Amino acid sequence: MVLTQLQDLLAGIYDVPLAHDVRDFLVTDRRCLPLTAGMSRSDEQLFVATDGDTVGVSLYLDPRLVERLQRSNPLDALHAGNLADYWTALEGVSHFVYLAWHAGFDRAVSLLELELQAEIDKYVGSCWLLRRQSPRRFPAEVHRLLFGRARLDPELTAERAAVYRAASDYAARFCRRIERLLRDAHDGPAGELTAELRRFYRLSDLRKIAHIRDRA
């Protein structure tokens, strides 16, 4: 299934193998969501619940989105027709992988680092696929499409909107540095690029922001 392929893509880039498959945590029936969440129009939502030391995670994806990705798998060919769906699904999978991997080390994560990493994952994952599918062409347009045209959900609270805006702004700065490294990595993440991505993935939110300010 395409969601497992997306999980494997991120696990390979960041060297974060998981014992769990995202499909086992997938919900596609909006009626199964909490009442307030079920009223949302979002095609992707991650739900986290804690009970003592136990953490429960569910990822909701609109069933029509999943069906479209199955028919037009971005892992086979990423193009304008499936890019939006790919980004939506990859964001959800990114959240799942990030939470699950850090939970294995009993480490809490903030909303800011979760959203920041998801924006970076969308950029890196897109460039990674496009370079693999068209090795002779660098996808310079991805940064502009992802960050230059970003729009916030008008239903977000002011507090949440500020977090998403900060995540997008910091991710855009970090990905400019990654863009330069990607141009030199002809066979996928290698060398300095791999080290930078994997080191950044393991930083806390405050250290991520400091790293971006110092180097990007």
Protein backbone atom coordinates (compact mmCIF):
# COMPACT_ATOMS: atom_id res chain seq x y z
CA MET A 1 0.00 0.00 0.00
CA VAL A 2 1.19 3.51 -0.78
CA LEU A 3 1.12 4.60 2.89
CA THR A 4 3.57 1.87 3.84
CA GLN A 5 5.77 2.97 0.96
CA LEU A 6 5.71 6.54 2.29
CA GLN A 7 6.66 5.27 5.74
CA ASP A 8 9.52 3.29 4.23
CA LEU A 9 10.65 6.37 2.28
CA LEU A 10 10.96 8.45 5.45
CA ALA A 11 12.46 5.59 7.44
CA GLY A 12 15.16 5.20 4.81
CA ILE A 13 16.01 8.88 4.53
CA TYR A 14 16.28 9.44 8.28
CA ASP A 15 17.32 5.94 9.38
CA VAL A 16 14.33 5.60 11.72
CA PRO A 17 13.02 2.04 11.26
CA LEU A 18 9.76 1.29 13.07
CA ALA A 19 8.22 -1.96 14.25
CA HIS A 20 4.74 -0.59 13.50
CA ASP A 21 3.02 -0.12 10.15
CA VAL A 22 1.06 3.09 9.70
CA ARG A 23 -1.78 1.12 8.10
CA ASP A 24 -2.53 -0.48 11.47
CA PHE A 25 -3.31 2.99 12.85
CA LEU A 26 -5.25 4.29 9.87
CA VAL A 27 -8.86 5.50 10.12
CA THR A 28 -10.78 6.36 6.95
CA ASP A 29 -14.33 6.59 8.33
CA ARG A 30 -15.03 10.10 9.60
CA ARG A 31 -17.87 8.75 11.74
CA CYS A 32 -15.26 7.02 13.93
CA LEU A 33 -13.64 10.33 14.85
CA PRO A 34 -14.40 12.34 17.99
CA LEU A 35 -17.45 14.53 17.47
CA THR A 36 -15.61 17.84 17.25
CA ALA A 37 -12.93 16.40 14.98
CA GLY A 38 -15.52 14.73 12.77
CA MET A 39 -16.91 18.15 11.92
CA SER A 40 -13.59 19.23 10.42
CA ARG A 41 -13.19 19.36 6.66
CA SER A 42 -9.53 18.34 6.82
CA ASP A 43 -8.47 15.33 4.75
CA GLU A 44 -5.74 14.50 7.28
CA GLN A 45 -5.78 14.50 11.07
CA LEU A 46 -3.55 12.86 13.66
CA PHE A 47 -5.02 11.93 17.04
CA VAL A 48 -2.91 11.25 20.12
CA ALA A 49 -4.19 10.03 23.48
CA THR A 50 -2.18 9.19 26.58
CA ASP A 51 -3.06 6.92 29.50
CA GLY A 52 -0.20 6.85 31.98
CA ASP A 53 2.82 5.57 30.08
CA THR A 54 0.70 4.38 27.16
CA VAL A 55 0.37 6.49 24.02
CA GLY A 56 -2.39 5.84 21.50
CA VAL A 57 -2.16 7.18 17.96
CA SER A 58 -4.65 7.21 15.08
CA LEU A 59 -4.20 8.76 11.66
CA TYR A 60 -7.28 9.84 9.74
CA LEU A 61 -7.08 10.16 5.96
CA ASP A 62 -10.03 10.82 3.71
CA PRO A 63 -10.87 7.54 1.93
CA ARG A 64 -11.18 9.29 -1.44
CA LEU A 65 -7.66 10.64 -1.05
CA VAL A 66 -6.33 7.15 -0.29
CA GLU A 67 -8.15 5.74 -3.32
CA ARG A 68 -6.70 8.43 -5.60
CA LEU A 69 -3.19 7.69 -4.39
CA GLN A 70 -3.71 3.99 -4.98
CA ARG A 71 -4.75 4.72 -8.57
CA SER A 72 -1.94 7.22 -9.16
CA ASN A 73 0.90 6.18 -6.91
CA PRO A 74 3.41 9.04 -6.44
CA LEU A 75 6.13 6.49 -5.68
CA ASP A 76 5.79 5.40 -9.32
CA ALA A 77 5.33 8.88 -10.80
CA LEU A 78 4.95 12.13 -8.87
CA HIS A 79 3.30 14.83 -10.96
CA ALA A 80 0.99 17.84 -10.74
CA GLY A 81 -2.08 15.62 -10.70
CA ASN A 82 -1.19 13.75 -7.49
CA LEU A 83 1.15 16.23 -5.75
CA ALA A 84 -1.46 17.74 -3.42
CA ASP A 85 -2.71 14.32 -2.32
CA TYR A 86 0.87 13.15 -1.88
CA TRP A 87 1.68 16.08 0.39
CA THR A 88 -1.46 15.53 2.47
CA ALA A 89 -0.76 11.83 2.96
CA LEU A 90 2.95 12.36 3.54
CA GLU A 91 2.22 14.93 6.23
CA GLY A 92 0.10 12.41 8.11
CA VAL A 93 2.68 9.65 7.72
CA SER A 94 5.41 12.08 8.77
CA HIS A 95 3.53 12.86 11.99
CA PHE A 96 3.04 9.15 12.67
CA VAL A 97 6.69 8.22 12.07
CA TYR A 98 8.01 11.14 14.10
CA LEU A 99 5.77 10.43 17.07
CA ALA A 100 6.28 6.68 16.99
CA TRP A 101 10.05 6.89 16.71
CA HIS A 102 10.42 9.41 19.52
CA ALA A 103 7.93 7.52 21.70
CA GLY A 104 10.33 4.59 21.52
CA PHE A 105 12.79 6.78 23.47
CA ASP A 106 10.11 8.08 25.86
CA ARG A 107 10.55 11.56 24.43
CA ALA A 108 7.66 13.98 24.11
CA VAL A 109 7.41 16.16 21.01
CA SER A 110 5.91 19.61 20.58
CA LEU A 111 3.38 20.67 17.96
CA LEU A 112 5.97 23.04 16.49
CA GLU A 113 8.59 20.35 15.86
CA LEU A 114 5.94 17.96 14.56
CA GLU A 115 4.73 20.48 11.98
CA LEU A 116 8.23 21.73 11.19
CA GLN A 117 9.46 18.22 10.46
CA ALA A 118 6.39 17.46 8.33
CA GLU A 119 7.04 20.51 6.12
CA ILE A 120 10.66 19.46 5.70
CA ASP A 121 9.59 15.89 4.95
CA LYS A 122 7.26 17.09 2.21
CA TYR A 123 10.08 19.03 0.58
CA VAL A 124 12.75 16.36 0.96
CA GLY A 125 10.39 13.52 0.02
CA SER A 126 9.24 15.35 -3.11
CA CYS A 127 12.73 16.21 -4.31
CA TRP A 128 13.92 12.70 -3.50
CA LEU A 129 11.19 11.09 -5.62
CA LEU A 130 11.48 13.55 -8.49
CA ARG A 131 15.26 13.16 -8.67
CA ARG A 132 14.86 9.38 -8.66
CA GLN A 133 12.20 9.50 -11.36
CA SER A 134 14.00 12.12 -13.51
CA PRO A 135 17.72 11.94 -12.61
CA ARG A 136 18.78 14.58 -15.13
CA ARG A 137 16.45 17.28 -13.84
CA PHE A 138 16.54 19.15 -10.55
CA PRO A 139 13.04 20.01 -9.23
CA ALA A 140 13.76 23.64 -8.36
CA GLU A 141 10.05 24.49 -8.40
CA VAL A 142 9.25 22.39 -5.32
CA HIS A 143 10.39 25.03 -2.81
CA ARG A 144 8.22 27.72 -4.39
CA LEU A 145 5.18 25.44 -4.66
CA LEU A 146 5.44 24.22 -1.09
CA PHE A 147 6.40 27.40 0.73
CA GLY A 148 5.60 30.26 -1.61
CA ARG A 149 1.95 29.31 -2.00
CA ALA A 150 1.27 28.03 1.51
CA ARG A 151 -2.14 28.97 2.90
CA LEU A 152 -3.35 28.50 6.47
CA ASP A 153 -6.70 26.96 7.33
CA PRO A 154 -8.97 29.91 8.23
CA GLU A 155 -10.61 27.75 10.92
CA LEU A 156 -7.39 27.57 12.95
CA THR A 157 -7.21 29.43 16.24
CA ALA A 158 -4.78 32.33 16.39
CA GLU A 159 -2.44 30.27 18.59
CA ARG A 160 -2.41 27.30 16.24
CA ALA A 161 -2.04 29.52 13.19
CA ALA A 162 1.06 31.09 14.74
CA VAL A 163 2.60 27.64 15.26
CA TYR A 164 1.91 26.56 11.67
CA ARG A 165 3.22 29.84 10.30
CA ALA A 166 6.42 29.54 12.30
CA ALA A 167 6.87 25.91 11.23
CA SER A 168 6.48 26.84 7.56
CA ASP A 169 8.85 29.81 7.81
CA TYR A 170 11.58 27.85 9.57
CA ALA A 171 11.16 24.87 7.24
CA ALA A 172 11.50 27.15 4.22
CA ARG A 173 14.80 28.48 5.55
CA PHE A 174 16.13 25.02 6.37
CA CYS A 175 15.10 23.62 2.99
CA ARG A 176 17.05 26.34 1.16
CA ARG A 177 20.16 24.82 2.68
CA ILE A 178 18.94 21.32 1.85
CA GLU A 179 18.32 22.45 -1.73
CA ARG A 180 21.99 23.25 -2.12
CA LEU A 181 22.99 19.86 -0.73
CA LEU A 182 20.45 18.04 -2.89
CA ARG A 183 21.94 19.49 -6.05
CA ASP A 184 25.18 17.68 -5.24
CA ALA A 185 23.53 14.35 -4.30
CA HIS A 186 22.97 12.62 -7.62
CA ASP A 187 21.98 9.22 -6.23
CA GLY A 188 19.68 10.29 -3.39
CA PRO A 189 20.62 11.33 0.14
CA ALA A 190 24.34 10.75 0.60
CA GLY A 191 27.27 12.13 2.51
CA GLU A 192 26.76 15.62 3.94
CA LEU A 193 23.08 15.63 3.01
CA THR A 194 22.35 12.42 4.89
CA ALA A 195 24.26 13.59 7.93
CA GLU A 196 22.46 16.94 8.00
CA LEU A 197 18.97 15.44 7.62
CA ARG A 198 19.47 12.70 10.19
CA ARG A 199 21.15 14.95 12.72
CA PHE A 200 18.39 17.56 12.41
CA TYR A 201 15.66 14.91 12.75
CA ARG A 202 16.94 13.98 16.20
CA LEU A 203 17.06 17.52 17.60
CA SER A 204 14.43 18.96 19.95
CA ASP A 205 12.27 21.84 18.81
CA LEU A 206 14.43 24.51 20.46
CA ARG A 207 17.62 22.99 19.07
CA LYS A 208 16.04 22.75 15.63
CA ILE A 209 15.22 26.45 15.67
CA ALA A 210 18.71 27.34 16.92
CA HIS A 211 20.26 25.17 14.20
CA ILE A 212 18.22 26.90 11.49
CA ARG A 213 19.09 30.35 12.78
CA ASP A 214 22.80 29.49 12.97
CA ARG A 215 23.21 27.68 9.66
CA ALA A 216 20.28 28.23 7.30
